[in-house]
């Protein structure tokens, strides 16, 4: 499935890609400057967000913790992401 993205607007592009991935049942990776270089968040279609870390092999991930509902809502608000659930 191809999605048309508006030109030259990376924020809109990221939001559309996120929506596409979540609606397709796939997790969406969220990187923020506050996390370490091997860490990121994974947002799942059910609304859960987990903090993960890449293993040495870089093919496996380690789940560090699941964000609380309030933390997940706060992260979405900070990133201006709509709740899709």
PDB file of N, CA and C in Angstrom:
ATOM      1  N   UNK A   1       0.838  -1.169   0.000  1.00  0.00           N
ATOM      2  CA  UNK A   1       0.000   0.000   0.000  1.00  0.00           C
ATOM      3  C   UNK A   1       0.885   1.234   0.000  1.00  0.00           C
ATOM      4  N   UNK A   2       0.640   2.128  -0.927  1.00  0.00           N
ATOM      5  CA  UNK A   2       1.410   3.365  -0.999  1.00  0.00           C
ATOM      6  C   UNK A   2       0.616   4.487  -0.359  1.00  0.00           C
ATOM      7  N   UNK A   3       1.335   5.340   0.331  1.00  0.00           N
ATOM      8  CA  UNK A   3       0.722   6.504   0.962  1.00  0.00           C
ATOM      9  C   UNK A   3       1.385   7.738   0.398  1.00  0.00           C
ATOM     10  N   UNK A   4       0.584   8.720   0.014  1.00  0.00           N
ATOM     11  CA  UNK A   4       1.144   9.976  -0.474  1.00  0.00           C
ATOM     12  C   UNK A   4       1.392  10.888   0.711  1.00  0.00           C
ATOM     13  N   UNK A   5       2.581  11.428   0.780  1.00  0.00           N
ATOM     14  CA  UNK A   5       2.962  12.318   1.860  1.00  0.00           C
ATOM     15  C   UNK A   5       3.154  13.727   1.326  1.00  0.00           C
ATOM     16  N   UNK A   6       2.772  14.720   2.110  1.00  0.00           N
ATOM     17  CA  UNK A   6       2.998  16.098   1.669  1.00  0.00           C
ATOM     18  C   UNK A   6       4.487  16.392   1.609  1.00  0.00           C
ATOM     19  N   UNK A   7       4.912  17.185   0.641  1.00  0.00           N
ATOM     20  CA  UNK A   7       6.338  17.493   0.511  1.00  0.00           C
ATOM     21  C   UNK A   7       6.829  18.435   1.602  1.00  0.00           C
ATOM     22  N   UNK A   8       8.084  18.238   2.009  1.00  0.00           N
ATOM     23  CA  UNK A   8       8.801  19.180   2.878  1.00  0.00           C
ATOM     24  C   UNK A   8       8.153  19.459   4.228  1.00  0.00           C
ATOM     25  N   UNK A   9       7.469  18.504   4.793  1.00  0.00           N
ATOM     26  CA  UNK A   9       6.926  18.702   6.125  1.00  0.00           C
ATOM     27  C   UNK A   9       7.164  17.437   6.932  1.00  0.00           C
ATOM     28  N   UNK A  10       8.317  17.351   7.566  1.00  0.00           N
ATOM     29  CA  UNK A  10       8.722  16.123   8.244  1.00  0.00           C
ATOM     30  C   UNK A  10       7.796  15.763   9.399  1.00  0.00           C
ATOM     31  N   UNK A  11       7.251  16.745  10.107  1.00  0.00           N
ATOM     32  CA  UNK A  11       6.345  16.436  11.223  1.00  0.00           C
ATOM     33  C   UNK A  11       5.077  15.757  10.725  1.00  0.00           C
ATOM     34  N   UNK A  12       4.535  16.256   9.645  1.00  0.00           N
ATOM     35  CA  UNK A  12       3.338  15.646   9.062  1.00  0.00           C
ATOM     36  C   UNK A  12       3.676  14.258   8.532  1.00  0.00           C
ATOM     37  N   UNK A  13       4.834  14.117   7.931  1.00  0.00           N
ATOM     38  CA  UNK A  13       5.288  12.832   7.407  1.00  0.00           C
ATOM     39  C   UNK A  13       5.384  11.794   8.521  1.00  0.00           C
ATOM     40  N   UNK A  14       5.999  12.153   9.629  1.00  0.00           N
ATOM     41  CA  UNK A  14       6.150  11.223  10.755  1.00  0.00           C
ATOM     42  C   UNK A  14       4.784  10.834  11.306  1.00  0.00           C
ATOM     43  N   UNK A  15       3.884  11.800  11.441  1.00  0.00           N
ATOM     44  CA  UNK A  15       2.549  11.511  11.973  1.00  0.00           C
ATOM     45  C   UNK A  15       1.779  10.575  11.051  1.00  0.00           C
ATOM     46  N   UNK A  16       1.884  10.777   9.750  1.00  0.00           N
ATOM     47  CA  UNK A  16       1.192   9.903   8.801  1.00  0.00           C
ATOM     48  C   UNK A  16       1.805   8.503   8.789  1.00  0.00           C
ATOM     49  N   UNK A  17       3.120   8.422   8.865  1.00  0.00           N
ATOM     50  CA  UNK A  17       3.782   7.121   8.912  1.00  0.00           C
ATOM     51  C   UNK A  17       3.385   6.369  10.181  1.00  0.00           C
ATOM     52  N   UNK A  18       3.347   7.075  11.301  1.00  0.00           N
ATOM     53  CA  UNK A  18       2.927   6.467  12.568  1.00  0.00           C
ATOM     54  C   UNK A  18       1.516   5.908  12.448  1.00  0.00           C
ATOM     55  N   UNK A  19       0.610   6.727  11.945  1.00  0.00           N
ATOM     56  CA  UNK A  19      -0.778   6.288  11.798  1.00  0.00           C
ATOM     57  C   UNK A  19      -0.876   5.072  10.881  1.00  0.00           C
ATOM     58  N   UNK A  20      -0.145   5.097   9.781  1.00  0.00           N
ATOM     59  CA  UNK A  20      -0.158   3.983   8.830  1.00  0.00           C
ATOM     60  C   UNK A  20       0.335   2.698   9.496  1.00  0.00           C
ATOM     61  N   UNK A  21       1.456   2.778  10.202  1.00  0.00           N
ATOM     62  CA  UNK A  21       2.032   1.585  10.847  1.00  0.00           C
ATOM     63  C   UNK A  21       1.078   1.021  11.905  1.00  0.00           C
ATOM     64  N   UNK A  22       0.550   1.900  12.767  1.00  0.00           N
ATOM     65  CA  UNK A  22      -0.321   1.432  13.841  1.00  0.00           C
ATOM     66  C   UNK A  22      -1.616   0.842  13.291  1.00  0.00           C
ATOM     67  N   UNK A  23      -2.192   1.471  12.292  1.00  0.00           N
ATOM     68  CA  UNK A  23      -3.440   0.953  11.697  1.00  0.00           C
ATOM     69  C   UNK A  23      -3.205  -0.376  10.966  1.00  0.00           C
ATOM     70  N   UNK A  24      -1.970  -0.618  10.536  1.00  0.00           N
ATOM     71  CA  UNK A  24      -1.618  -1.887   9.886  1.00  0.00           C
ATOM     72  C   UNK A  24      -1.264  -2.967  10.913  1.00  0.00           C
ATOM     73  N   UNK A  25      -1.358  -2.625  12.203  1.00  0.00           N
ATOM     74  CA  UNK A  25      -1.076  -3.605  13.246  1.00  0.00           C
ATOM     75  C   UNK A  25       0.392  -3.751  13.587  1.00  0.00           C
ATOM     76  N   UNK A  26       1.208  -2.797  13.167  1.00  0.00           N
ATOM     77  CA  UNK A  26       2.649  -2.867  13.409  1.00  0.00           C
ATOM     78  C   UNK A  26       3.066  -1.833  14.455  1.00  0.00           C
ATOM     79  N   UNK A  27       4.125  -2.124  15.217  1.00  0.00           N
ATOM     80  CA  UNK A  27       4.619  -1.129  16.179  1.00  0.00           C
ATOM     81  C   UNK A  27       5.316   0.025  15.466  1.00  0.00           C
ATOM     82  N   UNK A  28       5.333   1.170  16.132  1.00  0.00           N
ATOM     83  CA  UNK A  28       5.988   2.363  15.601  1.00  0.00           C
ATOM     84  C   UNK A  28       7.123   2.744  16.542  1.00  0.00           C
ATOM     85  N   UNK A  29       8.322   2.928  15.993  1.00  0.00           N
ATOM     86  CA  UNK A  29       9.488   3.286  16.794  1.00  0.00           C
ATOM     87  C   UNK A  29       9.547   4.796  16.986  1.00  0.00           C
ATOM     88  N   UNK A  30       9.734   5.206  18.253  1.00  0.00           N
ATOM     89  CA  UNK A  30       9.826   6.622  18.598  1.00  0.00           C
ATOM     90  C   UNK A  30      11.208   6.886  19.181  1.00  0.00           C
ATOM     91  N   UNK A  31      11.955   7.763  18.541  1.00  0.00           N
ATOM     92  CA  UNK A  31      13.265   8.182  19.052  1.00  0.00           C
ATOM     93  C   UNK A  31      13.143   9.585  19.618  1.00  0.00           C
ATOM     94  N   UNK A  32      13.764   9.808  20.770  1.00  0.00           N
ATOM     95  CA  UNK A  32      13.807  11.153  21.346  1.00  0.00           C
ATOM     96  C   UNK A  32      15.233  11.440  21.786  1.00  0.00           C
ATOM     97  N   UNK A  33      15.557  12.714  21.866  1.00  0.00           N
ATOM     98  CA  UNK A  33      16.909  13.120  22.259  1.00  0.00           C
ATOM     99  C   UNK A  33      17.221  12.749  23.705  1.00  0.00           C
ATOM    100  N   UNK A  34      16.192  12.583  24.531  1.00  0.00           N
ATOM    101  CA  UNK A  34      16.399  12.280  25.948  1.00  0.00           C
ATOM    102  C   UNK A  34      16.884  10.852  26.193  1.00  0.00           C
ATOM    103  N   UNK A  35      16.694   9.974  25.220  1.00  0.00           N
ATOM    104  CA  UNK A  35      17.076   8.572  25.398  1.00  0.00           C
ATOM    105  C   UNK A  35      18.507   8.333  24.943  1.00  0.00           C
ATOM    106  N   UNK A  36      19.093   7.261  25.455  1.00  0.00           N
ATOM    107  CA  UNK A  36      20.432   6.867  25.037  1.00  0.00           C
ATOM    108  C   UNK A  36      20.436   6.432  23.576  1.00  0.00           C
ATOM    109  N   UNK A  37      21.613   6.291  23.010  1.00  0.00           N
ATOM    110  CA  UNK A  37      21.724   5.967  21.583  1.00  0.00           C
ATOM    111  C   UNK A  37      21.210   4.572  21.248  1.00  0.00           C
ATOM    112  N   UNK A  38      21.160   3.679  22.223  1.00  0.00           N
ATOM    113  CA  UNK A  38      20.658   2.330  21.956  1.00  0.00           C
ATOM    114  C   UNK A  38      19.224   2.153  22.428  1.00  0.00           C
ATOM    115  N   UNK A  39      18.587   3.231  22.887  1.00  0.00           N
ATOM    116  CA  UNK A  39      17.230   3.142  23.422  1.00  0.00           C
ATOM    117  C   UNK A  39      16.226   3.857  22.523  1.00  0.00           C
ATOM    118  N   UNK A  40      14.999   3.348  22.551  1.00  0.00           N
ATOM    119  CA  UNK A  40      13.888   4.006  21.862  1.00  0.00           C
ATOM    120  C   UNK A  40      12.592   3.503  22.487  1.00  0.00           C
ATOM    121  N   UNK A  41      11.507   4.130  22.104  1.00  0.00           N
ATOM    122  CA  UNK A  41      10.188   3.669  22.515  1.00  0.00           C
ATOM    123  C   UNK A  41       9.573   2.909  21.351  1.00  0.00           C
ATOM    124  N   UNK A  42       8.772   1.905  21.672  1.00  0.00           N
ATOM    125  CA  UNK A  42       7.951   1.233  20.673  1.00  0.00           C
ATOM    126  C   UNK A  42       6.502   1.436  21.083  1.00  0.00           C
ATOM    127  N   UNK A  43       5.717   2.015  20.178  1.00  0.00           N
ATOM    128  CA  UNK A  43       4.289   2.203  20.425  1.00  0.00           C
ATOM    129  C   UNK A  43       3.549   1.120  19.657  1.00  0.00           C
ATOM    130  N   UNK A  44       2.617   0.454  20.334  1.00  0.00           N
ATOM    131  CA  UNK A  44       1.869  -0.643  19.733  1.00  0.00           C
ATOM    132  C   UNK A  44       0.448  -0.205  19.397  1.00  0.00           C
ATOM    133  N   UNK A  45      -0.200  -0.901  18.466  1.00  0.00           N
ATOM    134  CA  UNK A  45      -1.548  -0.513  18.054  1.00  0.00           C
ATOM    135  C   UNK A  45      -2.568  -0.456  19.193  1.00  0.00           C
ATOM    136  N   UNK A  46      -2.343  -1.206  20.265  1.00  0.00           N
ATOM    137  CA  UNK A  46      -3.280  -1.163  21.396  1.00  0.00           C
ATOM    138  C   UNK A  46      -3.057   0.050  22.295  1.00  0.00           C
ATOM    139  N   UNK A  47      -2.082   0.906  21.949  1.00  0.00           N
ATOM    140  CA  UNK A  47      -1.811   2.118  22.716  1.00  0.00           C
ATOM    141  C   UNK A  47      -0.671   1.983  23.711  1.00  0.00           C
ATOM    142  N   UNK A  48      -0.192   0.764  23.933  1.00  0.00           N
ATOM    143  CA  UNK A  48       0.914   0.557  24.868  1.00  0.00           C
ATOM    144  C   UNK A  48       2.207   1.127  24.279  1.00  0.00           C
ATOM    145  N   UNK A  49       3.026   1.698  25.159  1.00  0.00           N
ATOM    146  CA  UNK A  49       4.351   2.175  24.756  1.00  0.00           C
ATOM    147  C   UNK A  49       5.363   1.556  25.706  1.00  0.00           C
ATOM    148  N   UNK A  50       6.410   0.953  25.140  1.00  0.00           N
ATOM    149  CA  UNK A  50       7.463   0.353  25.953  1.00  0.00           C
ATOM    150  C   UNK A  50       8.798   1.003  25.612  1.00  0.00           C
ATOM    151  N   UNK A  51       9.647   1.090  26.624  1.00  0.00           N
ATOM    152  CA  UNK A  51      11.014   1.571  26.444  1.00  0.00           C
ATOM    153  C   UNK A  51      11.876   0.348  26.187  1.00  0.00           C
ATOM    154  N   UNK A  52      12.624   0.361  25.088  1.00  0.00           N
ATOM    155  CA  UNK A  52      13.453  -0.785  24.731  1.00  0.00           C
ATOM    156  C   UNK A  52      14.896  -0.350  24.508  1.00  0.00           C
ATOM    157  N   UNK A  53      15.784  -1.329  24.572  1.00  0.00           N
ATOM    158  CA  UNK A  53      17.201  -1.100  24.326  1.00  0.00           C
ATOM    159  C   UNK A  53      17.693  -2.167  23.360  1.00  0.00           C
ATOM    160  N   UNK A  54      18.506  -1.760  22.391  1.00  0.00           N
ATOM    161  CA  UNK A  54      19.080  -2.714  21.441  1.00  0.00           C
ATOM    162  C   UNK A  54      20.167  -3.521  22.141  1.00  0.00           C
ATOM    163  N   UNK A  55      20.203  -4.809  21.854  1.00  0.00           N
ATOM    164  CA  UNK A  55      21.236  -5.681  22.402  1.00  0.00           C
ATOM    165  C   UNK A  55      22.517  -5.503  21.594  1.00  0.00           C
ATOM    166  N   UNK A  56      23.595  -6.077  22.095  1.00  0.00           N
ATOM    167  CA  UNK A  56      24.884  -5.971  21.409  1.00  0.00           C
ATOM    168  C   UNK A  56      24.805  -6.434  19.964  1.00  0.00           C
ATOM    169  N   UNK A  57      24.029  -7.482  19.724  1.00  0.00           N
ATOM    170  CA  UNK A  57      23.920  -8.025  18.366  1.00  0.00           C
ATOM    171  C   UNK A  57      23.179  -7.074  17.431  1.00  0.00           C
ATOM    172  N   UNK A  58      22.448  -6.123  18.002  1.00  0.00           N
ATOM    173  CA  UNK A  58      21.646  -5.133  17.264  1.00  0.00           C
ATOM    174  C   UNK A  58      20.522  -5.770  16.466  1.00  0.00           C
ATOM    175  N   UNK A  59      20.281  -7.069  16.673  1.00  0.00           N
ATOM    176  CA  UNK A  59      19.140  -7.714  16.038  1.00  0.00           C
ATOM    177  C   UNK A  59      18.066  -8.058  17.059  1.00  0.00           C
ATOM    178  N   UNK A  60      18.396  -7.941  18.326  1.00  0.00           N
ATOM    179  CA  UNK A  60      17.455  -8.227  19.405  1.00  0.00           C
ATOM    180  C   UNK A  60      17.262  -6.983  20.253  1.00  0.00           C
ATOM    181  N   UNK A  61      16.098  -6.905  20.889  1.00  0.00           N
ATOM    182  CA  UNK A  61      15.844  -5.790  21.794  1.00  0.00           C
ATOM    183  C   UNK A  61      15.515  -6.319  23.179  1.00  0.00           C
ATOM    184  N   UNK A  62      15.772  -5.505  24.161  1.00  0.00           N
ATOM    185  CA  UNK A  62      15.463  -5.816  25.543  1.00  0.00           C
ATOM    186  C   UNK A  62      14.412  -4.812  26.004  1.00  0.00           C
ATOM    187  N   UNK A  63      13.275  -5.307  26.473  1.00  0.00           N
ATOM    188  CA  UNK A  63      12.245  -4.406  26.987  1.00  0.00           C
ATOM    189  C   UNK A  63      12.659  -3.967  28.384  1.00  0.00           C
ATOM    190  N   UNK A  64      12.871  -2.666  28.546  1.00  0.00           N
ATOM    191  CA  UNK A  64      13.282  -2.120  29.833  1.00  0.00           C
ATOM    192  C   UNK A  64      12.089  -1.903  30.749  1.00  0.00           C
ATOM    193  N   UNK A  65      11.004  -1.338  30.192  1.00  0.00           N
ATOM    194  CA  UNK A  65       9.789  -1.175  30.986  1.00  0.00           C
ATOM    195  C   UNK A  65       8.654  -0.678  30.107  1.00  0.00           C
ATOM    196  N   UNK A  66       7.439  -0.929  30.573  1.00  0.00           N
ATOM    197  CA  UNK A  66       6.246  -0.414  29.907  1.00  0.00           C
ATOM    198  C   UNK A  66       5.889   0.912  30.562  1.00  0.00           C
ATOM    199  N   UNK A  67       5.588   1.918  29.757  1.00  0.00           N
ATOM    200  CA  UNK A  67       5.177   3.207  30.293  1.00  0.00           C
ATOM    201  C   UNK A  67       3.764   3.093  30.862  1.00  0.00           C
ATOM    202  N   UNK A  68       3.512   3.823  31.938  1.00  0.00           N
ATOM    203  CA  UNK A  68       2.158   3.869  32.483  1.00  0.00           C
ATOM    204  C   UNK A  68       1.260   4.587  31.479  1.00  0.00           C
ATOM    205  N   UNK A  69      -0.047   4.468  31.657  1.00  0.00           N
ATOM    206  CA  UNK A  69      -0.974   5.155  30.753  1.00  0.00           C
ATOM    207  C   UNK A  69      -0.732   6.657  30.760  1.00  0.00           C
ATOM    208  N   UNK A  70      -0.482   7.222  31.938  1.00  0.00           N
ATOM    209  CA  UNK A  70      -0.226   8.663  32.036  1.00  0.00           C
ATOM    210  C   UNK A  70       1.079   9.050  31.340  1.00  0.00           C
ATOM    211  N   UNK A  71       2.121   8.216  31.497  1.00  0.00           N
ATOM    212  CA  UNK A  71       3.397   8.490  30.822  1.00  0.00           C
ATOM    213  C   UNK A  71       3.235   8.420  29.304  1.00  0.00           C
ATOM    214  N   UNK A  72       2.482   7.425  28.834  1.00  0.00           N
ATOM    215  CA  UNK A  72       2.261   7.272  27.394  1.00  0.00           C
ATOM    216  C   UNK A  72       1.496   8.477  26.842  1.00  0.00           C
ATOM    217  N   UNK A  73       0.462   8.905  27.562  1.00  0.00           N
ATOM    218  CA  UNK A  73      -0.302  10.085  27.130  1.00  0.00           C
ATOM    219  C   UNK A  73       0.585  11.322  27.122  1.00  0.00           C
ATOM    220  N   UNK A  74       1.441  11.456  28.133  1.00  0.00           N
ATOM    221  CA  UNK A  74       2.355  12.594  28.204  1.00  0.00           C
ATOM    222  C   UNK A  74       3.346  12.611  27.050  1.00  0.00           C
ATOM    223  N   UNK A  75       3.866  11.444  26.693  1.00  0.00           N
ATOM    224  CA  UNK A  75       4.805  11.357  25.568  1.00  0.00           C
ATOM    225  C   UNK A  75       4.106  11.724  24.262  1.00  0.00           C
ATOM    226  N   UNK A  76       2.894  11.188  24.064  1.00  0.00           N
ATOM    227  CA  UNK A  76       2.144  11.534  22.852  1.00  0.00           C
ATOM    228  C   UNK A  76       1.864  13.035  22.791  1.00  0.00           C
ATOM    229  N   UNK A  77       1.512  13.611  23.929  1.00  0.00           N
ATOM    230  CA  UNK A  77       1.234  15.055  23.963  1.00  0.00           C
ATOM    231  C   UNK A  77       2.493  15.848  23.626  1.00  0.00           C
ATOM    232  N   UNK A  78       3.621  15.447  24.213  1.00  0.00           N
ATOM    233  CA  UNK A  78       4.896  16.126  23.960  1.00  0.00           C
ATOM    234  C   UNK A  78       5.258  16.098  22.478  1.00  0.00           C
ATOM    235  N   UNK A  79       4.956  14.985  21.818  1.00  0.00           N
ATOM    236  CA  UNK A  79       5.295  14.811  20.406  1.00  0.00           C
ATOM    237  C   UNK A  79       4.162  15.238  19.468  1.00  0.00           C
ATOM    238  N   UNK A  80       3.072  15.735  20.043  1.00  0.00           N
ATOM    239  CA  UNK A  80       1.881  16.145  19.264  1.00  0.00           C
ATOM    240  C   UNK A  80       1.317  14.988  18.448  1.00  0.00           C
ATOM    241  N   UNK A  81       1.316  13.791  19.044  1.00  0.00           N
ATOM    242  CA  UNK A  81       0.741  12.612  18.406  1.00  0.00           C
ATOM    243  C   UNK A  81      -0.690  12.435  18.901  1.00  0.00           C
ATOM    244  N   UNK A  82      -1.610  12.204  17.997  1.00  0.00           N
ATOM    245  CA  UNK A  82      -2.995  11.939  18.368  1.00  0.00           C
ATOM    246  C   UNK A  82      -3.107  10.518  18.901  1.00  0.00           C
ATOM    247  N   UNK A  83      -4.075  10.294  19.777  1.00  0.00           N
ATOM    248  CA  UNK A  83      -4.350   8.934  20.234  1.00  0.00           C
ATOM    249  C   UNK A  83      -5.174   8.255  19.158  1.00  0.00           C
ATOM    250  N   UNK A  84      -4.734   7.104  18.702  1.00  0.00           N
ATOM    251  CA  UNK A  84      -5.425   6.394  17.628  1.00  0.00           C
ATOM    252  C   UNK A  84      -6.286   5.264  18.149  1.00  0.00           C
ATOM    253  N   UNK A  85      -6.174   4.966  19.418  1.00  0.00           N
ATOM    254  CA  UNK A  85      -6.880   3.813  19.986  1.00  0.00           C
ATOM    255  C   UNK A  85      -8.300   4.175  20.304  1.00  0.00           C
TER     256      UNK A  85
END
